[in-house]
């Protein structure tokens, strides 16, 4: 839903979006769940993306039920217009809820008035009560390019698998290298031991050549990106087509697996996501997913239970 700058003030939940697509989806899901519970409008504050970030606002490509500035998607936002709109809608200024830590905060369920949300909200406990609505509204558009259509046909097989390998900023950014582990080929080999051995495996990665060079693979393996650069949303759509998933420590592939929801499907996820042992991720994964330790990560985390 696009917002009307001339609309009258009304109770509203506002979410301050930031980060890449996976982060945006978690933030939307939590805010949308709260707006449903409170019967309030939802507004997306996308001002984070006005500052020359290397990330883009991407939720406008989904069938979301929220108000946002359509000018942002064309890169022509008027800050003055937005400022006047927020002033008209949110006077007096709404209360602010700031996520206190990485894992689920039970106080979120005690919010009884519309307010502004700040945080990442990367736990399904923030929105699992409204899972059907969230899945519907965050369904990615069909990828129409020939490669995606060809791989989607392969993923229609009964025991199809997608593997997501994230490298890019996990490898090149000093900040992210200190924060996140990079899942090793050993992790993926262990993960596949939990899954059927007779279905096609579609590999999605931002460094597909590295995967081909470092992973043992056979004729079951199909590599996306052979035709050139792929969009993230096209990869997300492909993940939703698979029955089984091996995800990285990435919110992006988390969503690909969660949105798929095929009966009998299995999702394998890394047990450790962050290098900081104080970052509590105990409720980040759905209870029916299988978390396994990367042997290379475990050797570096021998002091972590």
C-alpha atoms as a PDB file:
ATOM      1  CA  UNK A   1       0.000   0.000   0.000  1.00  0.00           C
ATOM      2  CA  UNK A   2       1.292   3.441  -0.874  1.00  0.00           C
ATOM      3  CA  UNK A   3       0.707   6.140   1.697  1.00  0.00           C
ATOM      4  CA  UNK A   4      -1.424   9.216   1.192  1.00  0.00           C
ATOM      5  CA  UNK A   5       0.440  12.304   2.485  1.00  0.00           C
ATOM      6  CA  UNK A   6      -2.932  14.027   2.971  1.00  0.00           C
ATOM      7  CA  UNK A   7      -4.453  11.253   5.044  1.00  0.00           C
ATOM      8  CA  UNK A   8      -5.759  12.017   8.516  1.00  0.00           C
ATOM      9  CA  UNK A   9      -3.757  10.941  11.570  1.00  0.00           C
ATOM     10  CA  UNK A  10      -4.603   7.433  12.766  1.00  0.00           C
ATOM     11  CA  UNK A  11      -3.143   4.919  15.215  1.00  0.00           C
ATOM     12  CA  UNK A  12      -0.136   3.362  13.534  1.00  0.00           C
ATOM     13  CA  UNK A  13       2.726   0.984  14.050  1.00  0.00           C
ATOM     14  CA  UNK A  14       5.925   2.305  12.489  1.00  0.00           C
ATOM     15  CA  UNK A  15       8.981   0.156  11.790  1.00  0.00           C
ATOM     16  CA  UNK A  16      12.384   1.659  11.064  1.00  0.00           C
ATOM     17  CA  UNK A  17      13.787  -0.534   8.313  1.00  0.00           C
ATOM     18  CA  UNK A  18      17.495  -1.135   7.804  1.00  0.00           C
ATOM     19  CA  UNK A  19      19.852  -3.665   6.277  1.00  0.00           C
ATOM     20  CA  UNK A  20      19.394  -6.034   3.365  1.00  0.00           C
ATOM     21  CA  UNK A  21      16.362  -7.967   2.214  1.00  0.00           C
ATOM     22  CA  UNK A  22      16.452 -10.624   4.946  1.00  0.00           C
ATOM     23  CA  UNK A  23      16.613  -7.975   7.667  1.00  0.00           C
ATOM     24  CA  UNK A  24      13.771  -6.030   6.078  1.00  0.00           C
ATOM     25  CA  UNK A  25      11.616  -9.150   6.033  1.00  0.00           C
ATOM     26  CA  UNK A  26      12.169  -9.859   9.736  1.00  0.00           C
ATOM     27  CA  UNK A  27      11.427  -6.248  10.626  1.00  0.00           C
ATOM     28  CA  UNK A  28       8.292  -6.217   8.503  1.00  0.00           C
ATOM     29  CA  UNK A  29       7.077  -9.526   9.930  1.00  0.00           C
ATOM     30  CA  UNK A  30       7.355  -8.383  13.549  1.00  0.00           C
ATOM     31  CA  UNK A  31       5.784  -4.999  12.850  1.00  0.00           C
ATOM     32  CA  UNK A  32       3.014  -6.503  10.749  1.00  0.00           C
ATOM     33  CA  UNK A  33       2.196  -9.010  13.473  1.00  0.00           C
ATOM     34  CA  UNK A  34       1.927  -6.179  15.990  1.00  0.00           C
ATOM     35  CA  UNK A  35      -0.248  -4.113  13.655  1.00  0.00           C
ATOM     36  CA  UNK A  36      -2.613  -7.072  13.191  1.00  0.00           C
ATOM     37  CA  UNK A  37      -2.851  -7.655  16.931  1.00  0.00           C
ATOM     38  CA  UNK A  38      -3.526  -3.969  17.623  1.00  0.00           C
ATOM     39  CA  UNK A  39      -5.728  -3.477  14.545  1.00  0.00           C
ATOM     40  CA  UNK A  40      -3.522  -0.557  13.513  1.00  0.00           C
ATOM     41  CA  UNK A  41      -2.072   0.679  10.237  1.00  0.00           C
ATOM     42  CA  UNK A  42       1.543  -0.193   9.464  1.00  0.00           C
ATOM     43  CA  UNK A  43       4.006   2.362   8.124  1.00  0.00           C
ATOM     44  CA  UNK A  44       7.506   1.602   6.867  1.00  0.00           C
ATOM     45  CA  UNK A  45      10.150   4.208   7.630  1.00  0.00           C
ATOM     46  CA  UNK A  46      12.689   3.700   4.836  1.00  0.00           C
ATOM     47  CA  UNK A  47      14.846   6.751   5.550  1.00  0.00           C
ATOM     48  CA  UNK A  48      17.832   4.435   6.219  1.00  0.00           C
ATOM     49  CA  UNK A  49      18.100   3.964   2.460  1.00  0.00           C
ATOM     50  CA  UNK A  50      18.350   7.695   1.716  1.00  0.00           C
ATOM     51  CA  UNK A  51      21.957   7.852   2.866  1.00  0.00           C
ATOM     52  CA  UNK A  52      23.847   6.225   0.013  1.00  0.00           C
ATOM     53  CA  UNK A  53      23.776   2.759   1.562  1.00  0.00           C
ATOM     54  CA  UNK A  54      24.928  -0.286  -0.360  1.00  0.00           C
ATOM     55  CA  UNK A  55      21.554  -1.851   0.442  1.00  0.00           C
ATOM     56  CA  UNK A  56      18.220  -0.981  -1.178  1.00  0.00           C
ATOM     57  CA  UNK A  57      14.650  -0.979   0.053  1.00  0.00           C
ATOM     58  CA  UNK A  58      13.186  -4.093  -1.575  1.00  0.00           C
ATOM     59  CA  UNK A  59       9.898  -4.852   0.170  1.00  0.00           C
ATOM     60  CA  UNK A  60       7.939  -2.844  -2.403  1.00  0.00           C
ATOM     61  CA  UNK A  61       8.282  -5.890  -4.703  1.00  0.00           C
ATOM     62  CA  UNK A  62       6.211  -8.052  -2.326  1.00  0.00           C
ATOM     63  CA  UNK A  63       2.427  -8.040  -1.700  1.00  0.00           C
ATOM     64  CA  UNK A  64       2.907  -6.367   1.668  1.00  0.00           C
ATOM     65  CA  UNK A  65       0.145  -4.593   3.562  1.00  0.00           C
ATOM     66  CA  UNK A  66       1.864  -1.431   4.717  1.00  0.00           C
ATOM     67  CA  UNK A  67       2.155   2.208   3.804  1.00  0.00           C
ATOM     68  CA  UNK A  68       5.435   3.397   2.340  1.00  0.00           C
ATOM     69  CA  UNK A  69       6.752   6.143   0.116  1.00  0.00           C
ATOM     70  CA  UNK A  70       6.602   4.974  -3.532  1.00  0.00           C
ATOM     71  CA  UNK A  71       9.147   7.655  -4.482  1.00  0.00           C
ATOM     72  CA  UNK A  72      11.811   5.649  -2.647  1.00  0.00           C
ATOM     73  CA  UNK A  73      11.639   2.796  -5.132  1.00  0.00           C
ATOM     74  CA  UNK A  74      12.495   5.233  -7.932  1.00  0.00           C
ATOM     75  CA  UNK A  75      15.160   7.036  -5.907  1.00  0.00           C
ATOM     76  CA  UNK A  76      13.268  10.357  -5.878  1.00  0.00           C
ATOM     77  CA  UNK A  77      12.244  10.739  -2.247  1.00  0.00           C
ATOM     78  CA  UNK A  78      11.385  14.228  -1.090  1.00  0.00           C
ATOM     79  CA  UNK A  79      12.677  14.580   2.468  1.00  0.00           C
ATOM     80  CA  UNK A  80      10.581  17.665   3.066  1.00  0.00           C
ATOM     81  CA  UNK A  81       7.414  15.885   1.919  1.00  0.00           C
ATOM     82  CA  UNK A  82       8.175  12.881   4.120  1.00  0.00           C
ATOM     83  CA  UNK A  83       8.939  15.088   7.100  1.00  0.00           C
ATOM     84  CA  UNK A  84       5.609  16.889   6.755  1.00  0.00           C
ATOM     85  CA  UNK A  85       3.808  13.579   6.371  1.00  0.00           C
ATOM     86  CA  UNK A  86       5.321  12.072   9.513  1.00  0.00           C
ATOM     87  CA  UNK A  87       4.578  15.260  11.401  1.00  0.00           C
ATOM     88  CA  UNK A  88       0.913  15.183  10.348  1.00  0.00           C
ATOM     89  CA  UNK A  89       0.460  11.499  11.154  1.00  0.00           C
ATOM     90  CA  UNK A  90       2.521  11.174  14.305  1.00  0.00           C
ATOM     91  CA  UNK A  91       1.730  14.184  16.443  1.00  0.00           C
ATOM     92  CA  UNK A  92       2.156  13.710  19.287  1.00  0.00           C
ATOM     93  CA  UNK A  93       5.227  11.574  18.618  1.00  0.00           C
ATOM     94  CA  UNK A  94       4.606   7.857  19.176  1.00  0.00           C
ATOM     95  CA  UNK A  95       6.334   5.889  21.891  1.00  0.00           C
ATOM     96  CA  UNK A  96       9.444   3.971  20.840  1.00  0.00           C
ATOM     97  CA  UNK A  97      10.166   0.316  21.477  1.00  0.00           C
ATOM     98  CA  UNK A  98      13.830  -0.560  21.003  1.00  0.00           C
ATOM     99  CA  UNK A  99      14.671  -4.255  20.817  1.00  0.00           C
ATOM    100  CA  UNK A 100      16.834  -4.860  23.923  1.00  0.00           C
ATOM    101  CA  UNK A 101      18.763  -7.906  22.704  1.00  0.00           C
ATOM    102  CA  UNK A 102      19.049 -10.348  19.818  1.00  0.00           C
ATOM    103  CA  UNK A 103      16.672 -13.047  21.082  1.00  0.00           C
ATOM    104  CA  UNK A 104      12.925 -12.740  21.599  1.00  0.00           C
ATOM    105  CA  UNK A 105      11.768 -10.212  24.168  1.00  0.00           C
ATOM    106  CA  UNK A 106       8.537 -11.310  25.969  1.00  0.00           C
ATOM    107  CA  UNK A 107       7.768  -7.633  26.601  1.00  0.00           C
ATOM    108  CA  UNK A 108       6.887  -7.386  22.905  1.00  0.00           C
ATOM    109  CA  UNK A 109       3.699  -9.314  23.634  1.00  0.00           C
ATOM    110  CA  UNK A 110       2.803  -6.739  26.299  1.00  0.00           C
ATOM    111  CA  UNK A 111       2.648  -3.834  23.846  1.00  0.00           C
ATOM    112  CA  UNK A 112      -0.927  -2.550  23.804  1.00  0.00           C
ATOM    113  CA  UNK A 113      -0.577   0.742  21.922  1.00  0.00           C
ATOM    114  CA  UNK A 114       0.703   1.534  18.431  1.00  0.00           C
ATOM    115  CA  UNK A 115       4.285   2.781  18.491  1.00  0.00           C
ATOM    116  CA  UNK A 116       7.567   3.015  16.617  1.00  0.00           C
ATOM    117  CA  UNK A 117       9.772  -0.082  16.482  1.00  0.00           C
ATOM    118  CA  UNK A 118      13.555  -0.166  16.317  1.00  0.00           C
ATOM    119  CA  UNK A 119      15.499  -3.416  15.995  1.00  0.00           C
ATOM    120  CA  UNK A 120      16.083  -6.527  13.887  1.00  0.00           C
ATOM    121  CA  UNK A 121      13.516  -8.931  15.449  1.00  0.00           C
ATOM    122  CA  UNK A 122      15.197 -12.085  14.109  1.00  0.00           C
ATOM    123  CA  UNK A 123      13.099 -14.647  15.911  1.00  0.00           C
ATOM    124  CA  UNK A 124       9.929 -16.287  14.569  1.00  0.00           C
ATOM    125  CA  UNK A 125       8.402 -15.848  18.023  1.00  0.00           C
ATOM    126  CA  UNK A 126       7.700 -12.235  17.108  1.00  0.00           C
ATOM    127  CA  UNK A 127       5.271 -13.243  14.364  1.00  0.00           C
ATOM    128  CA  UNK A 128       4.514 -16.985  14.441  1.00  0.00           C
ATOM    129  CA  UNK A 129       0.985 -16.310  15.687  1.00  0.00           C
ATOM    130  CA  UNK A 130       0.262 -14.737  12.299  1.00  0.00           C
ATOM    131  CA  UNK A 131       2.445 -17.029  10.187  1.00  0.00           C
ATOM    132  CA  UNK A 132      -0.140 -17.547   7.441  1.00  0.00           C
ATOM    133  CA  UNK A 133      -0.541 -13.815   6.845  1.00  0.00           C
ATOM    134  CA  UNK A 134       3.204 -13.212   6.927  1.00  0.00           C
ATOM    135  CA  UNK A 135       3.858 -16.005   4.416  1.00  0.00           C
ATOM    136  CA  UNK A 136       1.222 -14.601   2.092  1.00  0.00           C
ATOM    137  CA  UNK A 137       2.511 -11.038   2.262  1.00  0.00           C
ATOM    138  CA  UNK A 138       6.192 -11.937   1.937  1.00  0.00           C
ATOM    139  CA  UNK A 139       5.760 -14.318  -0.982  1.00  0.00           C
ATOM    140  CA  UNK A 140       8.423 -13.290  -3.520  1.00  0.00           C
ATOM    141  CA  UNK A 141       7.359 -12.584  -7.101  1.00  0.00           C
ATOM    142  CA  UNK A 142       7.848 -15.322  -9.669  1.00  0.00           C
ATOM    143  CA  UNK A 143      11.267 -15.121 -11.316  1.00  0.00           C
ATOM    144  CA  UNK A 144      10.574 -15.107 -15.044  1.00  0.00           C
ATOM    145  CA  UNK A 145      14.137 -15.364 -16.368  1.00  0.00           C
ATOM    146  CA  UNK A 146      14.910 -18.582 -18.290  1.00  0.00           C
ATOM    147  CA  UNK A 147      17.511 -19.875 -15.824  1.00  0.00           C
ATOM    148  CA  UNK A 148      15.168 -19.493 -12.837  1.00  0.00           C
ATOM    149  CA  UNK A 149      12.343 -21.204 -14.686  1.00  0.00           C
ATOM    150  CA  UNK A 150      14.621 -24.109 -15.630  1.00  0.00           C
ATOM    151  CA  UNK A 151      15.863 -24.530 -12.060  1.00  0.00           C
ATOM    152  CA  UNK A 152      12.327 -24.223 -10.685  1.00  0.00           C
ATOM    153  CA  UNK A 153      11.290 -27.213 -12.792  1.00  0.00           C
ATOM    154  CA  UNK A 154      14.106 -29.214 -11.230  1.00  0.00           C
ATOM    155  CA  UNK A 155      12.992 -28.128  -7.756  1.00  0.00           C
ATOM    156  CA  UNK A 156       9.526 -29.525  -8.391  1.00  0.00           C
ATOM    157  CA  UNK A 157      11.061 -32.965  -7.773  1.00  0.00           C
ATOM    158  CA  UNK A 158       9.942 -34.760  -4.616  1.00  0.00           C
ATOM    159  CA  UNK A 159      13.278 -34.561  -2.790  1.00  0.00           C
ATOM    160  CA  UNK A 160      14.655 -31.309  -4.176  1.00  0.00           C
ATOM    161  CA  UNK A 161      17.229 -29.380  -2.139  1.00  0.00           C
ATOM    162  CA  UNK A 162      18.560 -25.844  -2.210  1.00  0.00           C
ATOM    163  CA  UNK A 163      21.893 -24.896  -0.719  1.00  0.00           C
ATOM    164  CA  UNK A 164      22.638 -21.261   0.036  1.00  0.00           C
ATOM    165  CA  UNK A 165      26.267 -20.206   0.408  1.00  0.00           C
ATOM    166  CA  UNK A 166      26.914 -16.635   1.499  1.00  0.00           C
ATOM    167  CA  UNK A 167      30.353 -15.107   1.102  1.00  0.00           C
ATOM    168  CA  UNK A 168      30.545 -11.531  -0.269  1.00  0.00           C
ATOM    169  CA  UNK A 169      30.567  -9.168   2.734  1.00  0.00           C
ATOM    170  CA  UNK A 170      31.179 -12.059   5.157  1.00  0.00           C
ATOM    171  CA  UNK A 171      34.556 -12.423   3.486  1.00  0.00           C
ATOM    172  CA  UNK A 172      35.424  -8.959   2.182  1.00  0.00           C
ATOM    173  CA  UNK A 173      34.190  -6.720   5.013  1.00  0.00           C
ATOM    174  CA  UNK A 174      36.557  -6.560   8.038  1.00  0.00           C
ATOM    175  CA  UNK A 175      33.601  -5.581  10.226  1.00  0.00           C
ATOM    176  CA  UNK A 176      31.498  -8.544   9.152  1.00  0.00           C
ATOM    177  CA  UNK A 177      34.414 -10.971   9.346  1.00  0.00           C
ATOM    178  CA  UNK A 178      34.708 -10.086  13.020  1.00  0.00           C
ATOM    179  CA  UNK A 179      30.966 -10.525  13.538  1.00  0.00           C
ATOM    180  CA  UNK A 180      29.923 -13.550  11.458  1.00  0.00           C
ATOM    181  CA  UNK A 181      31.292 -17.004  10.786  1.00  0.00           C
ATOM    182  CA  UNK A 182      31.603 -18.148   7.204  1.00  0.00           C
ATOM    183  CA  UNK A 183      30.072 -21.595   6.806  1.00  0.00           C
ATOM    184  CA  UNK A 184      32.706 -24.014   5.487  1.00  0.00           C
ATOM    185  CA  UNK A 185      32.349 -26.755   2.845  1.00  0.00           C
ATOM    186  CA  UNK A 186      32.548 -29.190   5.775  1.00  0.00           C
ATOM    187  CA  UNK A 187      29.314 -27.777   7.219  1.00  0.00           C
ATOM    188  CA  UNK A 188      27.474 -28.263   3.934  1.00  0.00           C
ATOM    189  CA  UNK A 189      28.782 -31.803   3.512  1.00  0.00           C
ATOM    190  CA  UNK A 190      27.572 -32.679   7.022  1.00  0.00           C
ATOM    191  CA  UNK A 191      24.205 -31.054   6.377  1.00  0.00           C
ATOM    192  CA  UNK A 192      23.590 -33.107   3.260  1.00  0.00           C
ATOM    193  CA  UNK A 193      23.987 -36.283   5.307  1.00  0.00           C
ATOM    194  CA  UNK A 194      20.597 -35.484   6.876  1.00  0.00           C
ATOM    195  CA  UNK A 195      18.817 -35.192   3.522  1.00  0.00           C
ATOM    196  CA  UNK A 196      17.648 -37.611   0.790  1.00  0.00           C
ATOM    197  CA  UNK A 197      20.259 -38.746  -1.700  1.00  0.00           C
ATOM    198  CA  UNK A 198      18.043 -38.930  -4.782  1.00  0.00           C
ATOM    199  CA  UNK A 199      16.876 -35.366  -5.467  1.00  0.00           C
ATOM    200  CA  UNK A 200      18.369 -32.461  -7.402  1.00  0.00           C
ATOM    201  CA  UNK A 201      20.499 -29.944  -5.494  1.00  0.00           C
ATOM    202  CA  UNK A 202      20.296 -26.311  -6.602  1.00  0.00           C
ATOM    203  CA  UNK A 203      23.121 -24.135  -5.299  1.00  0.00           C
ATOM    204  CA  UNK A 204      22.550 -20.419  -4.760  1.00  0.00           C
ATOM    205  CA  UNK A 205      25.466 -18.180  -3.870  1.00  0.00           C
ATOM    206  CA  UNK A 206      26.967 -14.746  -4.353  1.00  0.00           C
ATOM    207  CA  UNK A 207      30.222 -16.525  -5.285  1.00  0.00           C
ATOM    208  CA  UNK A 208      29.161 -19.514  -7.349  1.00  0.00           C
ATOM    209  CA  UNK A 209      32.623 -20.055  -8.862  1.00  0.00           C
ATOM    210  CA  UNK A 210      34.119 -20.440  -5.373  1.00  0.00           C
ATOM    211  CA  UNK A 211      31.488 -23.033  -4.494  1.00  0.00           C
ATOM    212  CA  UNK A 212      32.175 -25.042  -7.631  1.00  0.00           C
ATOM    213  CA  UNK A 213      35.895 -24.989  -6.856  1.00  0.00           C
ATOM    214  CA  UNK A 214      35.644 -25.941  -3.150  1.00  0.00           C
ATOM    215  CA  UNK A 215      32.644 -28.303  -2.892  1.00  0.00           C
ATOM    216  CA  UNK A 216      32.538 -31.925  -3.938  1.00  0.00           C
ATOM    217  CA  UNK A 217      29.630 -32.252  -6.362  1.00  0.00           C
ATOM    218  CA  UNK A 218      28.152 -34.592  -8.937  1.00  0.00           C
ATOM    219  CA  UNK A 219      25.425 -34.642 -11.573  1.00  0.00           C
ATOM    220  CA  UNK A 220      22.705 -33.908  -8.983  1.00  0.00           C
ATOM    221  CA  UNK A 221      24.145 -30.445  -8.435  1.00  0.00           C
ATOM    222  CA  UNK A 222      22.823 -27.484 -10.425  1.00  0.00           C
ATOM    223  CA  UNK A 223      24.459 -24.089 -10.024  1.00  0.00           C
ATOM    224  CA  UNK A 224      22.424 -20.893 -10.345  1.00  0.00           C
ATOM    225  CA  UNK A 225      24.234 -17.995 -11.943  1.00  0.00           C
ATOM    226  CA  UNK A 226      25.642 -19.771 -14.980  1.00  0.00           C
ATOM    227  CA  UNK A 227      23.948 -17.156 -17.167  1.00  0.00           C
ATOM    228  CA  UNK A 228      25.426 -14.194 -15.313  1.00  0.00           C
ATOM    229  CA  UNK A 229      24.366 -12.022 -12.373  1.00  0.00           C
ATOM    230  CA  UNK A 230      21.209 -13.047 -10.538  1.00  0.00           C
ATOM    231  CA  UNK A 231      18.892 -10.962  -8.402  1.00  0.00           C
ATOM    232  CA  UNK A 232      18.486 -11.778  -4.732  1.00  0.00           C
ATOM    233  CA  UNK A 233      14.718 -11.952  -5.037  1.00  0.00           C
ATOM    234  CA  UNK A 234      14.978 -14.497  -7.862  1.00  0.00           C
ATOM    235  CA  UNK A 235      17.180 -16.662  -5.624  1.00  0.00           C
ATOM    236  CA  UNK A 236      14.714 -16.258  -2.764  1.00  0.00           C
ATOM    237  CA  UNK A 237      11.893 -17.406  -5.028  1.00  0.00           C
ATOM    238  CA  UNK A 238      13.880 -20.502  -6.005  1.00  0.00           C
ATOM    239  CA  UNK A 239      14.473 -21.382  -2.355  1.00  0.00           C
ATOM    240  CA  UNK A 240      10.734 -21.287  -1.711  1.00  0.00           C
ATOM    241  CA  UNK A 241      10.281 -23.914  -4.431  1.00  0.00           C
ATOM    242  CA  UNK A 242      12.497 -26.548  -2.796  1.00  0.00           C
ATOM    243  CA  UNK A 243      11.401 -29.205  -0.331  1.00  0.00           C
ATOM    244  CA  UNK A 244      14.626 -29.345   1.684  1.00  0.00           C
ATOM    245  CA  UNK A 245      17.072 -26.576   2.546  1.00  0.00           C
ATOM    246  CA  UNK A 246      20.611 -26.130   3.741  1.00  0.00           C
ATOM    247  CA  UNK A 247      20.918 -22.515   4.792  1.00  0.00           C
ATOM    248  CA  UNK A 248      23.830 -20.298   5.707  1.00  0.00           C
ATOM    249  CA  UNK A 249      24.012 -18.095   8.798  1.00  0.00           C
ATOM    250  CA  UNK A 250      22.046 -15.568   6.813  1.00  0.00           C
ATOM    251  CA  UNK A 251      18.632 -14.034   7.375  1.00  0.00           C
ATOM    252  CA  UNK A 252      18.156 -14.175   3.598  1.00  0.00           C
ATOM    253  CA  UNK A 253      18.321 -17.968   3.366  1.00  0.00           C
ATOM    254  CA  UNK A 254      16.407 -18.252   6.666  1.00  0.00           C
ATOM    255  CA  UNK A 255      13.461 -16.695   4.848  1.00  0.00           C
ATOM    256  CA  UNK A 256      13.874 -18.877   1.772  1.00  0.00           C
ATOM    257  CA  UNK A 257      13.461 -21.971   3.928  1.00  0.00           C
ATOM    258  CA  UNK A 258      10.701 -20.596   6.157  1.00  0.00           C
ATOM    259  CA  UNK A 259       8.565 -19.422   3.239  1.00  0.00           C
ATOM    260  CA  UNK A 260       8.848 -22.766   1.435  1.00  0.00           C
ATOM    261  CA  UNK A 261       6.969 -24.706   4.119  1.00  0.00           C
ATOM    262  CA  UNK A 262       6.557 -27.816   1.953  1.00  0.00           C
ATOM    263  CA  UNK A 263       5.116 -30.806   3.847  1.00  0.00           C
ATOM    264  CA  UNK A 264       7.819 -33.217   4.946  1.00  0.00           C
ATOM    265  CA  UNK A 265      10.601 -30.753   4.222  1.00  0.00           C
ATOM    266  CA  UNK A 266      13.766 -30.570   6.336  1.00  0.00           C
ATOM    267  CA  UNK A 267      15.861 -27.475   6.974  1.00  0.00           C
ATOM    268  CA  UNK A 268      19.457 -27.702   8.161  1.00  0.00           C
ATOM    269  CA  UNK A 269      20.965 -24.575   9.701  1.00  0.00           C
ATOM    270  CA  UNK A 270      24.312 -23.706  11.287  1.00  0.00           C
ATOM    271  CA  UNK A 271      24.349 -23.859  15.067  1.00  0.00           C
ATOM    272  CA  UNK A 272      26.652 -20.868  15.387  1.00  0.00           C
ATOM    273  CA  UNK A 273      26.012 -17.615  13.525  1.00  0.00           C
ATOM    274  CA  UNK A 274      28.095 -15.060  15.389  1.00  0.00           C
ATOM    275  CA  UNK A 275      31.654 -14.977  16.649  1.00  0.00           C
ATOM    276  CA  UNK A 276      30.479 -13.231  19.800  1.00  0.00           C
ATOM    277  CA  UNK A 277      29.529 -16.041  22.240  1.00  0.00           C
ATOM    278  CA  UNK A 278      27.347 -13.594  24.161  1.00  0.00           C
ATOM    279  CA  UNK A 279      24.958 -13.223  21.223  1.00  0.00           C
ATOM    280  CA  UNK A 280      22.053 -15.454  22.201  1.00  0.00           C
ATOM    281  CA  UNK A 281      20.426 -17.101  19.163  1.00  0.00           C
ATOM    282  CA  UNK A 282      18.551 -19.873  20.986  1.00  0.00           C
ATOM    283  CA  UNK A 283      15.148 -18.956  19.528  1.00  0.00           C
ATOM    284  CA  UNK A 284      16.272 -17.831  16.077  1.00  0.00           C
ATOM    285  CA  UNK A 285      15.425 -21.124  14.381  1.00  0.00           C
ATOM    286  CA  UNK A 286      12.003 -22.822  14.273  1.00  0.00           C
ATOM    287  CA  UNK A 287      11.879 -25.833  16.575  1.00  0.00           C
ATOM    288  CA  UNK A 288      11.519 -28.317  13.721  1.00  0.00           C
ATOM    289  CA  UNK A 289      14.741 -27.198  12.011  1.00  0.00           C
ATOM    290  CA  UNK A 290      17.988 -29.089  12.604  1.00  0.00           C
ATOM    291  CA  UNK A 291      20.935 -27.045  13.836  1.00  0.00           C
ATOM    292  CA  UNK A 292      24.369 -28.585  13.342  1.00  0.00           C
ATOM    293  CA  UNK A 293      27.832 -27.405  14.252  1.00  0.00           C
ATOM    294  CA  UNK A 294      30.374 -26.634  11.585  1.00  0.00           C
ATOM    295  CA  UNK A 295      33.455 -28.606  12.628  1.00  0.00           C
ATOM    296  CA  UNK A 296      35.713 -25.719  11.655  1.00  0.00           C
ATOM    297  CA  UNK A 297      33.584 -23.317  13.713  1.00  0.00           C
ATOM    298  CA  UNK A 298      33.439 -25.740  16.640  1.00  0.00           C
ATOM    299  CA  UNK A 299      37.207 -25.926  16.820  1.00  0.00           C
ATOM    300  CA  UNK A 300      37.262 -22.156  17.234  1.00  0.00           C
ATOM    301  CA  UNK A 301      34.440 -22.265  19.775  1.00  0.00           C
ATOM    302  CA  UNK A 302      35.541 -25.119  22.013  1.00  0.00           C
ATOM    303  CA  UNK A 303      34.757 -22.988  25.054  1.00  0.00           C
ATOM    304  CA  UNK A 304      31.110 -22.514  23.992  1.00  0.00           C
ATOM    305  CA  UNK A 305      28.549 -25.027  25.207  1.00  0.00           C
END
